[in-house]
Amino acid sequence: MFDVLACNDVSDADWKEFIMILKTGLLIFFTCMMLCGCTKHEIESRHEIQVAPLEVKPIHITIDINIKVDRALDDFFADIDKEQQ
């Protein structure tokens, strides 16, 4: 029936039949595609995340700052350093 590629002498009737079947197939394909495009497609998703209550505790930080003492010692020994020079 469709030995179009196998032989060289193809009649006009074979070509017309081939083109008619091709047109019919394309018409059915595009009709199905249009019907699918005209329908409503919806995807519903829902996510729930449960978070347990967090316990907040105070943070105790101890920072030793010796700047004031260090400056006082520098001032105290500055006099001695000047006397030695």
Foldseek 3Di string as FASTA:
>chain_A
DPCPVVDDDDDPVNVVVVVVVVVVVVVVVVVVVVVVVPDDDDDDDDDDDDDDDDDDDDDDDDDDDCPVVVVVVCVVCVVVVVVVD
